[in-house]
Amino acid sequence: MPSTPAGSHAPRYWRLYRTESGKHVVRDDLRSLPVGDYASIRAAMKEVEQRELRGTNQIKGDIRQVEADGDHGVTYRLLFAVDGHASQMLRALVAFSKKTQKTPGRQIVLAEYRLKDWRSRRAAFEKGR
């Protein structure tokens, strides 16, 4: 397997948070949006994959945010964390429509909870290997 050139990173990819029971809460939220808005969010996610986190904001701890403009003046936020081997995984935790300048505290708390939940399940899985 070829090594990654110095100064570059392993290719990044997205994974959407799922509950322990397997419910795809972020995927379901995204799919419930109008088609154009969903496409705008996916385009913003693709940019994050390719641009090494430029255009994102660190919100709190490991939680980062990317914004996407939907149709009819609606703006969306996607809260995520960089995770995985060599920090190549982008774990989408919460998606919501932006209504204020400041990210609502309840959305940050939800993202932190989901990240902690995911990491504890991953650690338990890796321990059991």
N, C-alpha and C. Protein backbone atom coordinates (compact mmCIF):
# COMPACT_ATOMS: atom_id res chain seq x y z
N MET A 1 0.86 -1.18 0.00
CA MET A 1 0.00 0.00 0.00
C MET A 1 0.89 1.23 0.00
N PRO A 2 0.68 2.17 -0.91
CA PRO A 2 1.53 3.37 -0.95
C PRO A 2 1.32 4.23 0.27
N SER A 3 2.38 4.89 0.69
CA SER A 3 2.26 5.79 1.84
C SER A 3 1.69 7.12 1.39
N THR A 4 1.14 7.85 2.36
CA THR A 4 0.60 9.17 2.09
C THR A 4 1.76 10.16 2.05
N PRO A 5 1.86 11.00 1.02
CA PRO A 5 2.98 11.95 0.93
C PRO A 5 3.04 12.86 2.16
N ALA A 6 4.25 13.27 2.50
CA ALA A 6 4.44 14.17 3.64
C ALA A 6 3.63 15.44 3.43
N GLY A 7 2.99 15.90 4.51
CA GLY A 7 2.22 17.13 4.45
C GLY A 7 0.79 16.93 4.00
N SER A 8 0.44 15.71 3.58
CA SER A 8 -0.95 15.47 3.18
C SER A 8 -1.59 14.55 4.20
N HIS A 9 -2.85 14.30 4.04
CA HIS A 9 -3.56 13.46 4.99
C HIS A 9 -4.21 12.29 4.26
N ALA A 10 -4.58 11.29 5.02
CA ALA A 10 -5.31 10.17 4.44
C ALA A 10 -6.65 10.68 3.92
N PRO A 11 -7.19 10.08 2.88
CA PRO A 11 -8.49 10.53 2.36
C PRO A 11 -9.54 10.48 3.47
N ARG A 12 -10.33 11.51 3.53
CA ARG A 12 -11.39 11.58 4.54
C ARG A 12 -12.69 11.06 3.96
N TYR A 13 -13.55 10.58 4.84
CA TYR A 13 -14.86 10.10 4.44
C TYR A 13 -15.84 10.32 5.57
N TRP A 14 -17.12 10.41 5.23
CA TRP A 14 -18.17 10.66 6.21
C TRP A 14 -18.82 9.37 6.67
N ARG A 15 -19.18 9.37 7.95
CA ARG A 15 -20.04 8.34 8.53
C ARG A 15 -21.07 9.10 9.36
N LEU A 16 -22.32 8.68 9.24
CA LEU A 16 -23.41 9.33 9.96
C LEU A 16 -23.67 8.57 11.25
N TYR A 17 -23.89 9.31 12.31
CA TYR A 17 -24.14 8.71 13.63
C TYR A 17 -25.39 7.83 13.57
N ARG A 18 -25.28 6.68 14.25
CA ARG A 18 -26.41 5.77 14.45
C ARG A 18 -26.52 5.49 15.94
N THR A 19 -27.74 5.29 16.39
CA THR A 19 -27.94 4.94 17.79
C THR A 19 -27.47 3.51 18.02
N GLU A 20 -27.39 3.12 19.27
CA GLU A 20 -26.96 1.76 19.59
C GLU A 20 -27.90 0.71 18.98
N SER A 21 -29.18 1.05 18.87
CA SER A 21 -30.14 0.13 18.27
C SER A 21 -30.08 0.13 16.74
N GLY A 22 -29.24 0.99 16.17
CA GLY A 22 -29.04 1.01 14.72
C GLY A 22 -29.87 2.04 13.98
N LYS A 23 -30.60 2.88 14.71
CA LYS A 23 -31.41 3.91 14.05
C LYS A 23 -30.51 4.99 13.45
N HIS A 24 -30.74 5.32 12.20
CA HIS A 24 -29.95 6.31 11.46
C HIS A 24 -30.54 7.70 11.65
N VAL A 25 -30.36 8.29 12.81
CA VAL A 25 -31.03 9.55 13.13
C VAL A 25 -30.57 10.71 12.25
N VAL A 26 -29.29 10.83 11.98
CA VAL A 26 -28.79 11.93 11.15
C VAL A 26 -29.21 11.71 9.70
N ARG A 27 -29.07 10.51 9.21
CA ARG A 27 -29.50 10.21 7.84
C ARG A 27 -30.98 10.51 7.65
N ASP A 28 -31.78 10.11 8.62
CA ASP A 28 -33.22 10.35 8.53
C ASP A 28 -33.54 11.85 8.54
N ASP A 29 -32.82 12.61 9.38
CA ASP A 29 -33.01 14.07 9.41
C ASP A 29 -32.66 14.68 8.06
N LEU A 30 -31.55 14.25 7.47
CA LEU A 30 -31.13 14.80 6.19
C LEU A 30 -32.09 14.42 5.08
N ARG A 31 -32.54 13.20 5.07
CA ARG A 31 -33.46 12.74 4.02
C ARG A 31 -34.84 13.37 4.11
N SER A 32 -35.17 13.93 5.27
CA SER A 32 -36.48 14.57 5.42
C SER A 32 -36.49 15.99 4.84
N LEU A 33 -35.34 16.50 4.45
CA LEU A 33 -35.22 17.86 3.91
C LEU A 33 -35.64 17.90 2.45
N PRO A 34 -36.00 19.08 1.96
CA PRO A 34 -36.23 19.21 0.52
C PRO A 34 -34.97 18.80 -0.25
N VAL A 35 -35.15 18.27 -1.45
CA VAL A 35 -34.06 17.72 -2.24
C VAL A 35 -32.92 18.73 -2.44
N GLY A 36 -33.25 19.96 -2.76
CA GLY A 36 -32.21 20.98 -2.97
C GLY A 36 -31.41 21.27 -1.72
N ASP A 37 -32.06 21.29 -0.57
CA ASP A 37 -31.38 21.55 0.70
C ASP A 37 -30.46 20.37 1.05
N TYR A 38 -30.97 19.16 0.84
CA TYR A 38 -30.15 17.96 1.09
C TYR A 38 -28.90 17.98 0.20
N ALA A 39 -29.08 18.35 -1.05
CA ALA A 39 -27.95 18.42 -1.98
C ALA A 39 -26.93 19.48 -1.53
N SER A 40 -27.39 20.59 -1.01
CA SER A 40 -26.49 21.64 -0.52
C SER A 40 -25.66 21.15 0.66
N ILE A 41 -26.30 20.43 1.56
CA ILE A 41 -25.57 19.89 2.71
C ILE A 41 -24.56 18.86 2.26
N ARG A 42 -24.93 17.97 1.35
CA ARG A 42 -24.00 16.96 0.84
C ARG A 42 -22.81 17.63 0.14
N ALA A 43 -23.06 18.72 -0.59
CA ALA A 43 -21.97 19.44 -1.24
C ALA A 43 -21.02 20.04 -0.20
N ALA A 44 -21.57 20.59 0.87
CA ALA A 44 -20.72 21.14 1.94
C ALA A 44 -19.90 20.04 2.60
N MET A 45 -20.51 18.87 2.77
CA MET A 45 -19.79 17.74 3.35
C MET A 45 -18.64 17.31 2.43
N LYS A 46 -18.87 17.30 1.14
CA LYS A 46 -17.84 16.93 0.17
C LYS A 46 -16.67 17.91 0.23
N GLU A 47 -16.98 19.19 0.38
CA GLU A 47 -15.92 20.19 0.50
C GLU A 47 -15.06 19.94 1.73
N VAL A 48 -15.70 19.59 2.84
CA VAL A 48 -14.94 19.30 4.06
C VAL A 48 -14.02 18.12 3.84
N GLU A 49 -14.49 17.09 3.14
CA GLU A 49 -13.64 15.93 2.83
C GLU A 49 -12.37 16.36 2.09
N GLN A 50 -12.53 17.29 1.17
CA GLN A 50 -11.44 17.65 0.26
C GLN A 50 -10.57 18.80 0.75
N ARG A 51 -11.07 19.62 1.66
CA ARG A 51 -10.36 20.86 2.00
C ARG A 51 -9.74 20.85 3.38
N GLU A 52 -9.57 19.71 3.99
CA GLU A 52 -8.87 19.60 5.28
C GLU A 52 -9.44 20.51 6.35
N LEU A 53 -10.73 20.55 6.50
CA LEU A 53 -11.45 21.27 7.54
C LEU A 53 -11.49 22.78 7.35
N ARG A 54 -10.92 23.31 6.29
CA ARG A 54 -11.07 24.74 6.02
C ARG A 54 -12.56 24.98 5.77
N GLY A 55 -13.06 26.08 6.27
CA GLY A 55 -14.47 26.39 6.11
C GLY A 55 -15.34 25.80 7.20
N THR A 56 -14.71 25.19 8.20
CA THR A 56 -15.47 24.68 9.34
C THR A 56 -15.06 25.47 10.58
N ASN A 57 -15.89 25.42 11.58
CA ASN A 57 -15.59 26.10 12.85
C ASN A 57 -15.55 25.07 13.96
N GLN A 58 -14.58 25.22 14.86
CA GLN A 58 -14.56 24.39 16.05
C GLN A 58 -15.55 25.00 17.03
N ILE A 59 -16.51 24.20 17.49
CA ILE A 59 -17.56 24.68 18.37
C ILE A 59 -17.20 24.48 19.83
N LYS A 60 -16.89 23.23 20.18
CA LYS A 60 -16.55 22.91 21.57
C LYS A 60 -15.85 21.56 21.59
N GLY A 61 -14.68 21.52 22.20
CA GLY A 61 -13.94 20.25 22.25
C GLY A 61 -13.70 19.72 20.85
N ASP A 62 -14.11 18.49 20.60
CA ASP A 62 -13.93 17.86 19.29
C ASP A 62 -15.06 18.17 18.31
N ILE A 63 -16.05 18.92 18.75
CA ILE A 63 -17.21 19.21 17.90
C ILE A 63 -16.89 20.36 16.95
N ARG A 64 -17.11 20.11 15.67
CA ARG A 64 -16.90 21.11 14.62
C ARG A 64 -18.21 21.35 13.90
N GLN A 65 -18.26 22.42 13.12
CA GLN A 65 -19.50 22.78 12.42
C GLN A 65 -19.20 23.20 10.99
N VAL A 66 -20.07 22.81 10.08
CA VAL A 66 -20.04 23.30 8.71
C VAL A 66 -21.45 23.81 8.39
N GLU A 67 -21.52 24.88 7.62
CA GLU A 67 -22.81 25.46 7.23
C GLU A 67 -23.06 25.23 5.76
N ALA A 68 -24.34 25.14 5.41
CA ALA A 68 -24.76 24.99 4.02
C ALA A 68 -26.00 25.83 3.79
N ASP A 69 -26.02 26.52 2.66
CA ASP A 69 -27.18 27.34 2.30
C ASP A 69 -28.15 26.49 1.50
N GLY A 70 -29.37 26.39 2.00
CA GLY A 70 -30.41 25.67 1.29
C GLY A 70 -31.20 26.63 0.42
N ASP A 71 -32.29 26.12 -0.10
CA ASP A 71 -33.18 26.94 -0.93
C ASP A 71 -33.98 27.91 -0.05
N HIS A 72 -34.47 28.96 -0.66
CA HIS A 72 -35.39 29.91 -0.02
C HIS A 72 -34.81 30.56 1.24
N GLY A 73 -33.49 30.79 1.26
CA GLY A 73 -32.87 31.50 2.36
C GLY A 73 -32.64 30.71 3.63
N VAL A 74 -32.85 29.41 3.59
CA VAL A 74 -32.63 28.57 4.78
C VAL A 74 -31.16 28.17 4.83
N THR A 75 -30.56 28.27 6.01
CA THR A 75 -29.19 27.84 6.21
C THR A 75 -29.20 26.67 7.19
N TYR A 76 -28.37 25.68 6.92
CA TYR A 76 -28.28 24.49 7.77
C TYR A 76 -26.90 24.41 8.39
N ARG A 77 -26.87 23.76 9.53
CA ARG A 77 -25.61 23.47 10.21
C ARG A 77 -25.51 21.96 10.41
N LEU A 78 -24.30 21.47 10.25
CA LEU A 78 -24.01 20.07 10.52
C LEU A 78 -22.89 20.04 11.54
N LEU A 79 -23.16 19.45 12.69
CA LEU A 79 -22.13 19.30 13.73
C LEU A 79 -21.50 17.94 13.55
N PHE A 80 -20.17 17.90 13.62
CA PHE A 80 -19.46 16.65 13.38
C PHE A 80 -18.17 16.63 14.18
N ALA A 81 -17.52 15.47 14.17
CA ALA A 81 -16.22 15.32 14.82
C ALA A 81 -15.30 14.55 13.89
N VAL A 82 -14.02 14.86 13.97
CA VAL A 82 -13.00 14.12 13.23
C VAL A 82 -12.64 12.92 14.10
N ASP A 83 -12.62 11.75 13.50
CA ASP A 83 -12.46 10.53 14.28
C ASP A 83 -11.74 9.48 13.43
N GLY A 84 -11.52 8.33 14.02
CA GLY A 84 -10.99 7.20 13.28
C GLY A 84 -9.47 7.19 13.18
N HIS A 85 -8.97 6.11 12.61
CA HIS A 85 -7.53 5.93 12.40
C HIS A 85 -7.01 7.05 11.51
N ALA A 86 -5.96 7.71 11.92
CA ALA A 86 -5.34 8.80 11.18
C ALA A 86 -6.29 9.98 10.97
N SER A 87 -7.32 10.08 11.81
CA SER A 87 -8.29 11.18 11.76
C SER A 87 -8.92 11.35 10.38
N GLN A 88 -9.18 10.25 9.70
CA GLN A 88 -9.74 10.34 8.37
C GLN A 88 -11.26 10.28 8.34
N MET A 89 -11.89 9.86 9.43
CA MET A 89 -13.34 9.76 9.45
C MET A 89 -13.97 11.05 9.97
N LEU A 90 -15.02 11.47 9.30
CA LEU A 90 -15.79 12.63 9.72
C LEU A 90 -17.14 12.09 10.18
N ARG A 91 -17.40 12.13 11.47
CA ARG A 91 -18.62 11.55 12.04
C ARG A 91 -19.68 12.64 12.18
N ALA A 92 -20.70 12.61 11.32
CA ALA A 92 -21.81 13.57 11.39
C ALA A 92 -22.68 13.23 12.59
N LEU A 93 -22.93 14.21 13.45
CA LEU A 93 -23.62 13.97 14.71
C LEU A 93 -25.01 14.60 14.77
N VAL A 94 -25.15 15.81 14.26
CA VAL A 94 -26.42 16.54 14.34
C VAL A 94 -26.54 17.44 13.10
N ALA A 95 -27.73 17.48 12.51
CA ALA A 95 -28.02 18.40 11.41
C ALA A 95 -29.30 19.16 11.77
N PHE A 96 -29.28 20.48 11.54
CA PHE A 96 -30.45 21.29 11.88
C PHE A 96 -30.43 22.58 11.07
N SER A 97 -31.59 23.22 10.98
CA SER A 97 -31.65 24.50 10.28
C SER A 97 -31.21 25.60 11.23
N LYS A 98 -30.44 26.52 10.69
CA LYS A 98 -29.88 27.63 11.46
C LYS A 98 -30.93 28.72 11.58
N LYS A 99 -31.20 29.13 12.81
CA LYS A 99 -32.18 30.19 13.02
C LYS A 99 -31.58 31.39 13.73
N THR A 100 -30.41 31.20 14.33
CA THR A 100 -29.74 32.29 15.05
C THR A 100 -28.26 32.27 14.69
N GLN A 101 -27.55 33.33 15.04
CA GLN A 101 -26.11 33.39 14.80
C GLN A 101 -25.36 32.34 15.63
N LYS A 102 -25.79 32.17 16.86
CA LYS A 102 -25.10 31.27 17.78
C LYS A 102 -25.69 29.86 17.68
N THR A 103 -24.83 28.86 17.72
CA THR A 103 -25.30 27.48 17.70
C THR A 103 -26.01 27.19 19.01
N PRO A 104 -27.26 26.71 18.95
CA PRO A 104 -28.02 26.44 20.18
C PRO A 104 -27.31 25.42 21.08
N GLY A 105 -27.29 25.73 22.37
CA GLY A 105 -26.63 24.87 23.34
C GLY A 105 -27.16 23.45 23.33
N ARG A 106 -28.47 23.28 23.13
CA ARG A 106 -29.03 21.92 23.14
C ARG A 106 -28.50 21.09 21.98
N GLN A 107 -28.18 21.73 20.86
CA GLN A 107 -27.62 21.00 19.72
C GLN A 107 -26.18 20.58 20.01
N ILE A 108 -25.44 21.44 20.70
CA ILE A 108 -24.06 21.12 21.08
C ILE A 108 -24.06 19.96 22.08
N VAL A 109 -24.94 20.04 23.07
CA VAL A 109 -25.05 18.97 24.07
C VAL A 109 -25.41 17.65 23.39
N LEU A 110 -26.34 17.68 22.45
CA LEU A 110 -26.73 16.47 21.72
C LEU A 110 -25.54 15.92 20.94
N ALA A 111 -24.79 16.78 20.27
CA ALA A 111 -23.62 16.33 19.52
C ALA A 111 -22.57 15.72 20.45
N GLU A 112 -22.34 16.34 21.59
CA GLU A 112 -21.38 15.79 22.56
C GLU A 112 -21.84 14.42 23.07
N TYR A 113 -23.12 14.30 23.36
CA TYR A 113 -23.67 13.03 23.83
C TYR A 113 -23.47 11.95 22.76
N ARG A 114 -23.82 12.27 21.53
CA ARG A 114 -23.70 11.28 20.46
C ARG A 114 -22.25 10.89 20.21
N LEU A 115 -21.33 11.84 20.29
CA LEU A 115 -19.92 11.52 20.10
C LEU A 115 -19.43 10.63 21.23
N LYS A 116 -19.79 10.95 22.45
CA LYS A 116 -19.39 10.13 23.59
C LYS A 116 -19.97 8.72 23.47
N ASP A 117 -21.24 8.64 23.09
CA ASP A 117 -21.89 7.34 22.89
C ASP A 117 -21.17 6.54 21.82
N TRP A 118 -20.90 7.14 20.68
CA TRP A 118 -20.22 6.45 19.59
C TRP A 118 -18.84 5.96 20.04
N ARG A 119 -18.09 6.83 20.69
CA ARG A 119 -16.73 6.45 21.09
C ARG A 119 -16.73 5.35 22.15
N SER A 120 -17.70 5.36 23.05
CA SER A 120 -17.75 4.28 24.06
C SER A 120 -18.11 2.95 23.40
N ARG A 121 -19.01 2.96 22.44
CA ARG A 121 -19.36 1.72 21.73
C ARG A 121 -18.19 1.23 20.88
N ARG A 122 -17.47 2.16 20.25
CA ARG A 122 -16.31 1.78 19.46
C ARG A 122 -15.22 1.16 20.35
N ALA A 123 -15.00 1.78 21.51
CA ALA A 123 -13.98 1.27 22.43
C ALA A 123 -14.36 -0.13 22.92
N ALA A 124 -15.63 -0.34 23.24
CA ALA A 124 -16.08 -1.67 23.68
C ALA A 124 -15.90 -2.69 22.57
N PHE A 125 -16.20 -2.31 21.34
CA PHE A 125 -16.03 -3.21 20.20
C PHE A 125 -14.57 -3.56 20.00
N GLU A 126 -13.70 -2.55 20.04
CA GLU A 126 -12.27 -2.79 19.83
C GLU A 126 -11.68 -3.64 20.95
N LYS A 127 -12.17 -3.46 22.15
CA LYS A 127 -11.70 -4.24 23.29
C LYS A 127 -12.07 -5.72 23.12
N GLY A 128 -13.23 -5.97 22.54
CA GLY A 128 -13.73 -7.34 22.36
C GLY A 128 -13.14 -8.08 21.19
N ARG A 129 -12.34 -7.42 20.36
CA ARG A 129 -11.74 -8.09 19.20
C ARG A 129 -10.85 -9.21 19.59
